[in-house]
Amino acid sequence: MEFTVSTIAPENCPCDLLILGIPEGEILVGPAATVDQALGGILRKVVQEERFTGKSRSTLLFHTHDRIPPRRLLLVGLGSPSRLTTDHLRQAAAIGVNTAQSHHLAHIAMPLLDRFPAKEEAQAVVEGTILGSYRFRKYKRADEEGMVEKVELLTTPDRGEEVNTAIRRAAIFASATCFARDLVNEPPNELTPSRLAEIAREVATQKGIRCTIYGPEEMRQMGMGAILSVAQGSSQPPRFIVMEYTPPQAKRTVALVGKGVTFDSGGLDIKSTEGMETMKMDMAGAAAVIAAMSALPDLAPPVHVLGIAPAVENLPSGTATKPGDIVRAMDGHTIEINNTDAEGRLILADALAYAVQQGAEEIIDLATLTGSCIIALGPICAGIMGNDQRLIDRLVQAASRAGEKVWQLPLFEEYFEPMKSEIADLRNSGGRYAGAQKGALFLREFVGGKPWAHLDIAGPAFVEHDEAKGPYWPKGSGTGFGVRTLLEYLTSTVDETNKQGSGEHR
């Protein structure tokens, strides 16, 4: 897909599909008004007949019948002007490219509205176009949809340079997100822990960053008893993936840690058939981390980043961990396992301890950790928790710019009481209520007091329900959630972080 910038008037653009974003109540304003004039008032007439109001995600598609160079027009509602965000533009672009693909239209164009800074507006449109066109086709014999080959962004001459800069940045962000989606969408018989590690190594080699893969024996030597306890029920050996981006001017070390359970049956506390069906996505945190790491050399943020992804399968067998077992994590904590389906926090415990050992000054983890978080926030929003409010605030702001929804949940100390064991330091499950917070409080014990934020992405990592699908979130697919938030954070806020230092934390 080729992106170009043009200063041609929308009504004169010789494209297959001209996409016009229309705020509610502003039907014939801006580009739409000039297009209507060129059409001799036909657009106004069609809008009135079809009762198109500009309601969010509403559409109106019609042929121009050669009255103007664009062959078709697509009006996409942006909703209330007072609530308009760049994500509405991202969604409109995704709707546009989906329409183009379904009608086999190769060349689309979209004028920028000039409602936001040029870089922000162009980035949203380009991301929406790439993410909206995403399809996981690897295992399909044929695809009935067409492919969009050219996307033209229409703007004014004074904004052209900024738009070109934004196109490059947006393409990196969106491509990394699509890479994470590909990893999540791979079937579990293909994407084993070993294969995930191989992919990470291949990407690191291509991008010129370091990658170290540890196997079971090396993990045993490092004392990673928590990871090994989860892996022992599977014939697939675990892998501990460490990717490292080290620019010469880096002043700070940030660790990104992603849960990598390539398939989660629940272990001996086995899930229901329905609950197990989509558990190939339980490595979405690791996918986000690996994908984000792949983009860093192209974006060149001045920060040393460790990407850590413990990869295992959680299966029942004669060698599987049993409820009541006690294991020892890398940092010495002993853990009573009272639920083998609370395995993600076990592998993250060792990964977080490793990040501390490696000198991380900030730690951000992403994990499809709890169903409790989905109950609390629904399938479109991640929960964020941590021990450092300034870090959490910066991540929330980065997520907002990226168009990814996150909401902070409280870590009341009372929630930690059920995580204490009578016979070990910790239990890995503390009961049903406030499960997301209990899981986070368990993880907090392994960060050594370092500034840390935890993103529970169980809801938005995979589109399983109709209520979660959207213009650039196809149903039955991984979303790549978290990739753009991480990249936005690392490229936009690291300078502020370097100047201010960390906030108060436990």
Protein backbone atom coordinates (compact mmCIF):
# COMPACT_ATOMS: atom_id res chain seq x y z
CA MET A 1 0.00 0.00 0.00
CA GLU A 2 1.50 3.30 -1.15
CA PHE A 3 0.77 6.58 0.65
CA THR A 4 1.14 9.91 -1.11
CA VAL A 5 0.43 13.54 -0.23
CA SER A 6 -1.37 15.80 -2.65
CA THR A 7 -2.64 19.38 -2.64
CA ILE A 8 -5.22 18.70 -5.34
CA ALA A 9 -8.78 19.74 -4.52
CA PRO A 10 -10.90 16.74 -3.42
CA GLU A 11 -13.43 17.22 -6.22
CA ASN A 12 -10.61 17.07 -8.78
CA CYS A 13 -8.82 13.98 -7.44
CA PRO A 14 -8.92 11.14 -10.02
CA CYS A 15 -9.42 8.28 -7.53
CA ASP A 16 -11.66 5.25 -7.28
CA LEU A 17 -13.07 6.34 -3.92
CA LEU A 18 -13.07 9.74 -2.24
CA ILE A 19 -13.68 9.42 1.52
CA LEU A 20 -15.17 12.42 3.29
CA GLY A 21 -15.31 12.50 7.09
CA ILE A 22 -18.46 14.35 8.12
CA PRO A 23 -19.00 15.70 11.66
CA GLU A 24 -22.60 15.42 12.82
CA GLY A 25 -24.62 18.48 11.87
CA GLU A 26 -21.90 19.72 9.46
CA ILE A 27 -22.99 17.79 6.39
CA LEU A 28 -21.90 20.20 3.67
CA VAL A 29 -19.00 22.02 5.27
CA GLY A 30 -15.39 22.13 4.06
CA PRO A 31 -14.43 19.57 1.38
CA ALA A 32 -17.98 18.21 1.23
CA ALA A 33 -19.25 21.66 0.26
CA THR A 34 -16.83 22.04 -2.64
CA VAL A 35 -17.60 18.50 -3.83
CA ASP A 36 -21.31 19.28 -3.72
CA GLN A 37 -20.75 22.45 -5.73
CA ALA A 38 -18.79 20.52 -8.36
CA LEU A 39 -21.63 18.01 -8.54
CA GLY A 40 -24.21 20.73 -9.05
CA GLY A 41 -25.94 20.13 -5.72
CA ILE A 42 -26.42 16.37 -6.16
CA LEU A 43 -24.59 15.55 -2.92
CA ARG A 44 -26.97 17.73 -0.93
CA LYS A 45 -29.94 16.01 -2.55
CA VAL A 46 -28.65 12.49 -1.86
CA VAL A 47 -27.83 13.38 1.75
CA GLN A 48 -31.36 14.64 2.29
CA GLU A 49 -32.97 11.65 0.60
CA GLU A 50 -30.91 9.14 2.57
CA ARG A 51 -31.25 11.14 5.81
CA PHE A 52 -27.53 11.05 6.42
CA THR A 53 -26.71 13.10 9.53
CA GLY A 54 -23.05 12.38 10.22
CA LYS A 55 -23.75 10.07 13.14
CA SER A 56 -20.59 8.24 14.23
CA ARG A 57 -19.65 5.36 11.88
CA SER A 58 -22.68 5.94 9.62
CA THR A 59 -21.91 5.79 5.88
CA LEU A 60 -23.31 6.87 2.55
CA LEU A 61 -21.78 5.51 -0.67
CA PHE A 62 -22.74 6.58 -4.19
CA HIS A 63 -21.38 6.81 -7.74
CA THR A 64 -20.50 10.14 -9.30
CA HIS A 65 -21.13 8.78 -12.84
CA ASP A 66 -18.15 10.73 -14.23
CA ARG A 67 -19.50 14.13 -13.18
CA ILE A 68 -16.25 14.67 -11.28
CA PRO A 69 -12.92 12.74 -11.36
CA PRO A 70 -13.57 10.66 -8.18
CA ARG A 71 -15.57 7.61 -9.34
CA ARG A 72 -17.33 7.12 -6.00
CA LEU A 73 -17.91 9.15 -2.85
CA LEU A 74 -18.11 7.72 0.64
CA LEU A 75 -19.41 9.91 3.44
CA VAL A 76 -18.42 8.64 6.89
CA GLY A 77 -20.04 10.07 10.00
CA LEU A 78 -17.64 11.34 12.66
CA GLY A 79 -20.23 12.03 15.34
CA SER A 80 -20.52 15.13 17.52
CA PRO A 81 -18.00 17.88 16.62
CA SER A 82 -17.58 18.71 20.31
CA ARG A 83 -16.46 15.15 21.03
CA LEU A 84 -14.35 14.67 17.93
CA THR A 85 -10.99 12.94 18.52
CA THR A 86 -8.28 11.69 16.20
CA ASP A 87 -9.58 8.17 16.80
CA HIS A 88 -12.79 9.13 14.99
CA LEU A 89 -10.56 9.90 11.99
CA ARG A 90 -8.76 6.59 12.48
CA GLN A 91 -12.12 4.80 12.42
CA ALA A 92 -13.33 6.74 9.38
CA ALA A 93 -10.20 5.82 7.43
CA ALA A 94 -10.67 2.17 8.41
CA ILE A 95 -14.30 2.23 7.27
CA GLY A 96 -13.16 3.78 4.01
CA VAL A 97 -10.52 1.19 3.26
CA ASN A 98 -12.90 -1.65 4.20
CA THR A 99 -15.44 -0.27 1.75
CA ALA A 100 -12.80 0.03 -0.95
CA GLN A 101 -11.64 -3.54 -0.45
CA SER A 102 -15.16 -4.95 -0.58
CA HIS A 103 -15.77 -3.09 -3.88
CA HIS A 104 -12.33 -3.90 -5.35
CA LEU A 105 -11.25 -0.25 -5.49
CA ALA A 106 -7.48 0.20 -5.71
CA HIS A 107 -7.03 3.96 -5.32
CA ILE A 108 -8.59 5.90 -2.45
CA ALA A 109 -8.21 9.49 -1.30
CA MET A 110 -9.14 11.31 1.89
CA PRO A 111 -8.90 15.03 2.58
CA LEU A 112 -7.62 16.00 6.02
CA LEU A 113 -10.09 18.09 8.02
CA ASP A 114 -7.63 20.53 9.59
CA ARG A 115 -9.31 20.05 12.98
CA PHE A 116 -6.11 18.81 14.67
CA PRO A 117 -2.37 19.37 14.17
CA ALA A 118 -1.35 17.95 10.79
CA LYS A 119 0.91 15.26 12.26
CA GLU A 120 -1.79 13.92 14.58
CA GLU A 121 -4.50 13.94 11.95
CA ALA A 122 -2.36 12.31 9.27
CA GLN A 123 -1.04 9.68 11.67
CA ALA A 124 -4.57 8.69 12.67
CA VAL A 125 -5.72 8.43 9.05
CA VAL A 126 -2.73 6.35 7.97
CA GLU A 127 -3.00 4.04 10.99
CA GLY A 128 -6.72 3.59 10.40
CA THR A 129 -6.13 2.74 6.76
CA ILE A 130 -3.46 0.13 7.47
CA LEU A 131 -5.22 -1.39 10.48
CA GLY A 132 -8.59 -1.38 8.72
CA SER A 133 -7.17 -3.21 5.71
CA TYR A 134 -5.62 -5.94 7.88
CA ARG A 135 -6.67 -9.51 7.19
CA PHE A 136 -5.00 -12.71 8.42
CA ARG A 137 -4.92 -14.61 5.13
CA LYS A 138 -2.11 -17.08 5.75
CA TYR A 139 -4.32 -20.17 6.00
CA LYS A 140 -6.97 -19.17 3.44
CA ARG A 141 -6.94 -20.75 0.00
CA ALA A 142 -8.60 -17.74 -1.61
CA ASP A 143 -9.62 -14.21 -0.70
CA GLU A 144 -12.62 -12.56 -2.32
CA GLU A 145 -11.69 -9.04 -1.24
CA GLY A 146 -9.64 -6.64 -3.31
CA MET A 147 -6.54 -4.78 -2.20
CA VAL A 148 -6.11 -1.05 -1.92
CA GLU A 149 -2.87 -0.11 -3.66
CA LYS A 150 -2.73 3.68 -3.33
CA VAL A 151 -3.88 6.03 -0.58
CA GLU A 152 -3.76 9.76 -1.24
CA LEU A 153 -3.94 12.25 1.63
CA LEU A 154 -5.25 15.61 0.45
CA THR A 155 -4.04 18.67 2.35
CA THR A 156 -2.83 22.24 1.93
CA PRO A 157 0.72 23.07 0.75
CA ASP A 158 1.76 24.44 4.16
CA ARG A 159 1.00 21.12 5.86
CA GLY A 160 2.63 18.79 3.32
CA GLU A 161 5.96 18.31 5.11
CA GLU A 162 4.32 17.51 8.43
CA VAL A 163 1.96 15.06 6.77
CA ASN A 164 4.83 13.24 5.08
CA THR A 165 6.62 12.91 8.42
CA ALA A 166 3.45 11.56 10.01
CA ILE A 167 2.96 8.99 7.25
CA ARG A 168 6.32 7.39 8.00
CA ARG A 169 5.71 7.32 11.75
CA ALA A 170 2.17 5.99 11.37
CA ALA A 171 3.28 3.25 8.98
CA ILE A 172 5.82 2.03 11.56
CA PHE A 173 3.23 2.08 14.35
CA ALA A 174 0.56 0.32 12.31
CA SER A 175 2.89 -2.25 10.77
CA ALA A 176 4.15 -3.23 14.21
CA THR A 177 0.55 -3.57 15.38
CA CYS A 178 -0.22 -5.83 12.42
CA PHE A 179 2.86 -7.92 13.22
CA ALA A 180 1.54 -8.45 16.76
CA ARG A 181 -1.85 -9.41 15.29
CA ASP A 182 -0.17 -11.99 13.05
CA LEU A 183 1.52 -13.56 16.05
CA VAL A 184 -1.71 -13.72 18.06
CA ASN A 185 -3.65 -15.14 15.10
CA GLU A 186 -1.23 -18.01 14.49
CA PRO A 187 -2.69 -21.37 15.57
CA PRO A 188 -1.11 -22.86 18.68
CA ASN A 189 0.16 -25.93 16.84
CA GLU A 190 2.29 -23.57 14.73
CA LEU A 191 3.24 -20.91 17.28
CA THR A 192 4.87 -22.90 20.06
CA PRO A 193 7.19 -21.29 22.61
CA SER A 194 10.18 -22.36 20.51
CA ARG A 195 8.72 -20.88 17.33
CA LEU A 196 7.88 -17.60 19.07
CA ALA A 197 11.50 -17.42 20.21
CA GLU A 198 12.72 -18.12 16.67
CA ILE A 199 10.56 -15.31 15.31
CA ALA A 200 11.90 -12.91 17.93
CA ARG A 201 15.46 -13.85 16.98
CA GLU A 202 14.72 -13.42 13.26
CA VAL A 203 13.23 -9.98 13.84
CA ALA A 204 16.13 -8.92 16.05
CA THR A 205 18.63 -9.97 13.38
CA GLN A 206 16.75 -8.03 10.70
CA LYS A 207 16.51 -4.92 12.86
CA GLY A 208 20.02 -5.02 14.29
CA ILE A 209 19.11 -5.45 17.95
CA ARG A 210 20.28 -8.05 20.44
CA CYS A 211 18.26 -11.15 21.20
CA THR A 212 19.04 -13.84 23.76
CA ILE A 213 16.94 -16.98 24.11
CA TYR A 214 17.15 -19.05 27.30
CA GLY A 215 16.03 -22.67 27.45
CA PRO A 216 14.85 -24.79 30.41
CA GLU A 217 18.30 -25.63 31.75
CA GLU A 218 19.42 -22.00 31.71
CA MET A 219 16.17 -20.99 33.41
CA ARG A 220 16.78 -23.62 36.04
CA GLN A 221 20.27 -22.23 36.67
CA MET A 222 18.80 -18.72 37.07
CA GLY A 223 16.26 -20.02 39.58
CA MET A 224 13.16 -19.41 37.45
CA GLY A 225 11.08 -22.02 39.23
CA ALA A 226 7.79 -20.22 38.61
CA ILE A 227 8.08 -20.33 34.82
CA LEU A 228 9.29 -23.91 34.84
CA SER A 229 6.36 -24.99 37.01
CA VAL A 230 3.88 -23.75 34.39
CA ALA A 231 5.78 -25.33 31.51
CA GLN A 232 6.22 -28.77 33.04
CA GLY A 233 2.84 -30.09 31.90
CA SER A 234 3.67 -29.65 28.21
CA SER A 235 6.00 -31.53 25.89
CA GLN A 236 6.90 -28.17 24.35
CA PRO A 237 9.93 -26.70 26.15
CA PRO A 238 9.63 -23.13 27.49
CA ARG A 239 11.64 -20.25 26.17
CA PHE A 240 12.68 -17.03 27.89
CA ILE A 241 13.07 -14.31 25.26
CA VAL A 242 15.13 -11.17 25.87
CA MET A 243 15.39 -8.50 23.16
CA GLU A 244 17.52 -5.40 23.71
CA TYR A 245 17.52 -2.05 21.95
CA THR A 246 20.52 0.04 22.97
CA PRO A 247 20.96 3.46 21.32
CA PRO A 248 24.25 5.17 22.18
CA GLN A 249 22.54 8.26 23.64
CA ALA A 250 20.24 6.35 26.00
CA LYS A 251 19.95 7.79 29.51
CA ARG A 252 17.33 5.45 30.93
CA THR A 253 16.45 1.74 30.89
CA VAL A 254 12.84 0.67 30.45
CA ALA A 255 11.78 -2.98 30.55
CA LEU A 256 8.75 -4.16 28.61
CA VAL A 257 7.50 -7.52 29.85
CA GLY A 258 4.86 -9.53 28.00
CA LYS A 259 3.01 -12.67 29.04
CA GLY A 260 3.66 -15.40 26.46
CA VAL A 261 1.40 -18.40 27.13
CA THR A 262 1.12 -19.72 23.58
CA PHE A 263 -1.80 -21.91 24.63
CA ASP A 264 -3.59 -21.99 27.95
CA SER A 265 -5.78 -24.97 28.78
CA GLY A 266 -5.87 -23.95 32.44
CA GLY A 267 -3.61 -26.83 33.43
CA LEU A 268 -5.14 -29.34 35.85
CA ASP A 269 -7.70 -26.66 36.79
CA ILE A 270 -8.86 -27.03 33.23
CA LYS A 271 -10.98 -24.45 31.45
CA SER A 272 -14.35 -25.14 29.89
CA THR A 273 -14.49 -25.86 26.16
CA GLU A 274 -15.84 -22.39 25.52
CA GLY A 275 -13.24 -20.77 27.74
CA MET A 276 -10.40 -22.61 26.03
CA GLU A 277 -11.40 -21.94 22.43
CA THR A 278 -9.48 -18.69 21.93
CA MET A 279 -6.61 -19.37 24.31
CA LYS A 280 -4.04 -19.14 21.54
CA MET A 281 -4.32 -15.41 22.29
CA ASP A 282 -2.86 -15.79 25.78
CA MET A 283 0.49 -14.68 24.40
CA ALA A 284 -0.82 -11.28 23.22
CA GLY A 285 1.32 -9.46 25.79
CA ALA A 286 4.47 -11.12 24.45
CA ALA A 287 3.35 -10.36 20.90
CA ALA A 288 2.94 -6.68 21.77
CA VAL A 289 6.39 -6.53 23.33
CA ILE A 290 8.14 -8.32 20.45
CA ALA A 291 6.33 -6.14 17.90
CA ALA A 292 7.15 -2.94 19.77
CA MET A 293 10.80 -3.94 19.97
CA SER A 294 10.84 -4.55 16.20
CA ALA A 295 9.81 -0.93 15.59
CA LEU A 296 12.28 0.82 17.89
CA PRO A 297 15.29 0.90 15.54
CA ASP A 298 13.17 2.71 12.91
CA LEU A 299 11.78 5.20 15.44
CA ALA A 300 15.11 5.67 17.28
CA PRO A 301 13.90 6.84 20.70
CA PRO A 302 16.78 7.75 23.05
CA VAL A 303 16.05 5.06 25.63
CA HIS A 304 17.55 1.68 26.42
CA VAL A 305 14.73 -0.87 26.17
CA LEU A 306 14.63 -4.48 27.31
CA GLY A 307 11.86 -6.58 25.75
CA ILE A 308 11.20 -9.66 27.89
CA ALA A 309 8.79 -12.43 26.92
CA PRO A 310 8.52 -15.68 28.90
CA ALA A 311 6.94 -18.24 26.56
CA VAL A 312 5.26 -21.47 27.74
CA GLU A 313 2.28 -23.74 27.18
CA ASN A 314 -0.03 -24.48 30.11
CA LEU A 315 -1.35 -28.02 29.68
CA PRO A 316 -2.60 -30.87 31.91
CA SER A 317 -0.58 -34.07 32.00
CA GLY A 318 1.04 -36.50 34.39
CA THR A 319 3.89 -34.03 34.87
CA ALA A 320 1.75 -30.89 35.25
CA THR A 321 1.88 -28.69 38.30
CA LYS A 322 -0.76 -29.65 40.88
CA PRO A 323 -2.86 -27.44 43.14
CA GLY A 324 -0.98 -27.34 46.43
CA ASP A 325 2.49 -27.38 44.89
CA ILE A 326 4.96 -24.81 46.16
CA VAL A 327 7.51 -23.31 43.77
CA ARG A 328 10.33 -20.80 44.22
CA ALA A 329 10.61 -17.75 41.95
CA MET A 330 13.84 -16.22 40.72
CA ASP A 331 13.94 -13.59 43.47
CA GLY A 332 13.45 -16.19 46.23
CA HIS A 333 9.72 -15.78 46.86
CA THR A 334 7.93 -19.06 47.46
CA ILE A 335 4.50 -19.45 45.89
CA GLU A 336 1.74 -21.87 46.79
CA ILE A 337 -0.13 -22.76 43.62
CA ASN A 338 -3.80 -22.98 44.50
CA ASN A 339 -5.04 -22.48 40.93
CA THR A 340 -3.12 -23.78 37.91
CA ASP A 341 -5.18 -21.48 35.66
CA ALA A 342 -3.59 -18.44 37.32
CA GLU A 343 -0.39 -19.23 35.45
CA GLY A 344 0.31 -15.89 33.79
CA ARG A 345 1.36 -14.20 37.00
CA LEU A 346 3.77 -17.06 37.68
CA ILE A 347 5.71 -16.64 34.47
CA LEU A 348 5.60 -12.86 34.86
CA ALA A 349 6.98 -13.14 38.40
CA ASP A 350 10.26 -14.53 37.12
CA ALA A 351 10.29 -12.12 34.16
CA LEU A 352 9.78 -9.09 36.40
CA ALA A 353 12.49 -10.28 38.77
CA TYR A 354 14.80 -10.69 35.79
CA ALA A 355 14.04 -7.12 34.65
CA VAL A 356 15.00 -5.83 38.09
CA GLN A 357 18.21 -7.87 38.05
CA GLN A 358 19.11 -6.35 34.67
CA GLY A 359 18.89 -2.82 36.03
CA ALA A 360 15.54 -1.69 34.65
CA GLU A 361 14.59 1.75 35.99
CA GLU A 362 10.99 1.44 34.82
CA ILE A 363 8.98 -1.71 34.18
CA ILE A 364 5.83 -2.00 32.09
CA ASP A 365 4.13 -5.36 31.74
CA LEU A 366 1.29 -6.39 29.45
CA ALA A 367 -0.71 -9.54 30.04
CA THR A 368 -4.01 -11.17 29.20
CA LEU A 369 -4.15 -11.80 32.90
CA THR A 370 -7.72 -11.96 34.22
CA GLY A 371 -11.30 -12.45 33.15
CA SER A 372 -12.08 -10.20 36.09
CA CYS A 373 -10.74 -7.21 34.17
CA ILE A 374 -13.09 -7.96 31.28
CA ILE A 375 -16.03 -8.07 33.71
CA ALA A 376 -14.97 -4.73 35.18
CA LEU A 377 -14.12 -2.82 32.00
CA GLY A 378 -15.63 -4.77 29.12
CA PRO A 379 -13.86 -6.12 26.03
CA ILE A 380 -12.60 -2.82 24.58
CA CYS A 381 -10.63 -1.42 27.50
CA ALA A 382 -7.49 -2.51 29.37
CA GLY A 383 -7.00 -2.06 33.08
CA ILE A 384 -3.89 -0.24 34.24
CA MET A 385 -2.44 -0.55 37.74
CA GLY A 386 0.93 0.05 39.32
CA ASN A 387 3.04 1.54 42.07
CA ASP A 388 4.01 4.83 40.41
CA GLN A 389 1.27 7.32 39.57
CA ARG A 390 3.44 9.45 37.32
CA LEU A 391 4.31 6.45 35.17
CA ILE A 392 0.66 5.40 35.05
CA ASP A 393 -0.43 8.91 34.05
CA ARG A 394 2.11 9.06 31.22
CA LEU A 395 0.97 5.68 29.92
CA VAL A 396 -2.68 6.72 30.07
CA GLN A 397 -1.84 9.83 28.06
CA ALA A 398 0.14 7.78 25.54
CA ALA A 399 -2.76 5.36 25.18
CA SER A 400 -5.15 8.24 24.57
CA ARG A 401 -2.96 9.58 21.76
CA ALA A 402 -2.69 6.07 20.32
CA GLY A 403 -6.46 5.56 20.35
CA GLU A 404 -6.26 2.67 22.83
CA LYS A 405 -8.58 2.67 25.84
CA VAL A 406 -7.14 2.10 29.32
CA TRP A 407 -8.62 2.77 32.76
CA GLN A 408 -6.89 2.78 36.12
CA LEU A 409 -8.06 0.32 38.77
CA PRO A 410 -7.21 0.78 42.47
CA LEU A 411 -4.70 -1.37 44.32
CA PHE A 412 -6.14 -1.27 47.83
CA GLU A 413 -3.93 -3.06 50.31
CA GLU A 414 -6.91 -5.06 51.57
CA TYR A 415 -6.93 -6.86 48.23
CA PHE A 416 -3.47 -8.24 48.96
CA GLU A 417 -4.49 -10.17 52.08
CA PRO A 418 -5.97 -13.15 50.16
CA MET A 419 -2.72 -13.44 48.20
CA LYS A 420 -0.82 -14.41 51.35
CA SER A 421 -0.27 -18.11 51.99
CA GLU A 422 -0.23 -19.93 55.33
CA ILE A 423 2.68 -22.11 54.21
CA ALA A 424 4.52 -20.01 51.62
CA ASP A 425 5.21 -16.34 50.92
CA LEU A 426 2.37 -16.01 48.43
CA ARG A 427 -0.59 -17.79 46.84
CA ASN A 428 -1.12 -17.40 43.10
CA SER A 429 -4.88 -16.85 43.39
CA GLY A 430 -6.93 -14.91 45.89
CA GLY A 431 -10.48 -15.64 44.88
CA ARG A 432 -13.02 -14.24 42.49
CA TYR A 433 -13.61 -10.66 43.64
CA ALA A 434 -11.23 -7.89 42.52
CA GLY A 435 -9.31 -10.55 40.64
CA ALA A 436 -7.56 -8.07 38.35
CA GLN A 437 -6.26 -6.07 41.29
CA LYS A 438 -5.20 -9.17 43.21
CA GLY A 439 -3.25 -10.36 40.19
CA ALA A 440 -1.54 -6.98 39.92
CA LEU A 441 -0.70 -6.91 43.63
CA PHE A 442 0.88 -10.35 43.26
CA LEU A 443 3.07 -9.00 40.45
CA ARG A 444 4.02 -5.95 42.50
CA GLU A 445 5.93 -8.22 44.87
CA PHE A 446 8.47 -8.99 42.13
CA VAL A 447 9.40 -5.51 40.87
CA GLY A 448 11.78 -4.68 43.72
CA GLY A 449 10.19 -1.29 44.36
CA LYS A 450 11.02 -0.06 40.85
CA PRO A 451 8.47 2.20 39.11
CA TRP A 452 6.09 -0.29 37.53
CA ALA A 453 2.83 -0.33 35.59
CA HIS A 454 0.73 -3.34 34.71
CA LEU A 455 -1.65 -3.44 31.75
CA ASP A 456 -4.27 -6.19 31.94
CA ILE A 457 -5.20 -6.52 28.27
CA ALA A 458 -7.42 -9.60 28.58
CA GLY A 459 -10.40 -7.74 27.10
CA PRO A 460 -9.04 -5.82 24.12
CA ALA A 461 -6.29 -8.24 23.01
CA PHE A 462 -8.62 -10.39 20.90
CA VAL A 463 -12.00 -9.64 19.32
CA GLU A 464 -14.22 -12.48 20.42
CA HIS A 465 -17.54 -10.65 20.75
CA ASP A 466 -19.55 -8.45 18.39
CA GLU A 467 -19.56 -5.65 20.95
CA ALA A 468 -15.78 -5.39 20.67
CA LYS A 469 -15.37 -5.41 16.89
CA GLY A 470 -14.87 -2.09 15.18
CA PRO A 471 -13.65 -0.52 11.94
CA TYR A 472 -10.08 -1.56 12.58
CA TRP A 473 -10.73 -4.45 15.02
CA PRO A 474 -11.95 -7.41 12.92
CA LYS A 475 -13.90 -10.12 14.75
CA GLY A 476 -12.04 -13.35 15.47
CA SER A 477 -8.67 -11.64 15.33
CA GLY A 478 -5.95 -10.34 17.56
CA THR A 479 -5.90 -6.55 17.79
CA GLY A 480 -2.25 -5.83 18.54
CA PHE A 481 -3.45 -3.85 21.55
CA GLY A 482 -0.69 -2.13 23.46
CA VAL A 483 1.85 -1.84 20.66
CA ARG A 484 0.97 1.73 19.72
CA THR A 485 0.67 2.78 23.37
CA LEU A 486 4.17 1.47 24.09
CA LEU A 487 5.64 3.13 21.02
CA GLU A 488 3.84 6.39 21.75
CA TYR A 489 5.13 6.29 25.32
CA LEU A 490 8.73 5.49 24.39
CA THR A 491 8.95 8.07 21.60
CA SER A 492 6.93 10.91 23.13
CA THR A 493 7.45 10.90 26.87
CA VAL A 494 10.91 9.55 27.49
CA ASP A 495 12.52 12.99 27.40
CA GLU A 496 10.15 14.19 30.12
CA THR A 497 10.88 11.02 32.09
CA ASN A 498 14.63 11.54 31.80
CA LYS A 499 14.32 15.13 33.06
CA GLN A 500 11.93 14.52 35.92
CA GLY A 501 13.04 11.13 37.16
CA SER A 502 10.58 8.76 38.68
CA GLY A 503 7.73 9.67 40.97
CA GLU A 504 7.25 8.33 44.45
CA HIS A 505 6.63 4.62 44.50
CA ARG A 506 6.49 1.68 46.83
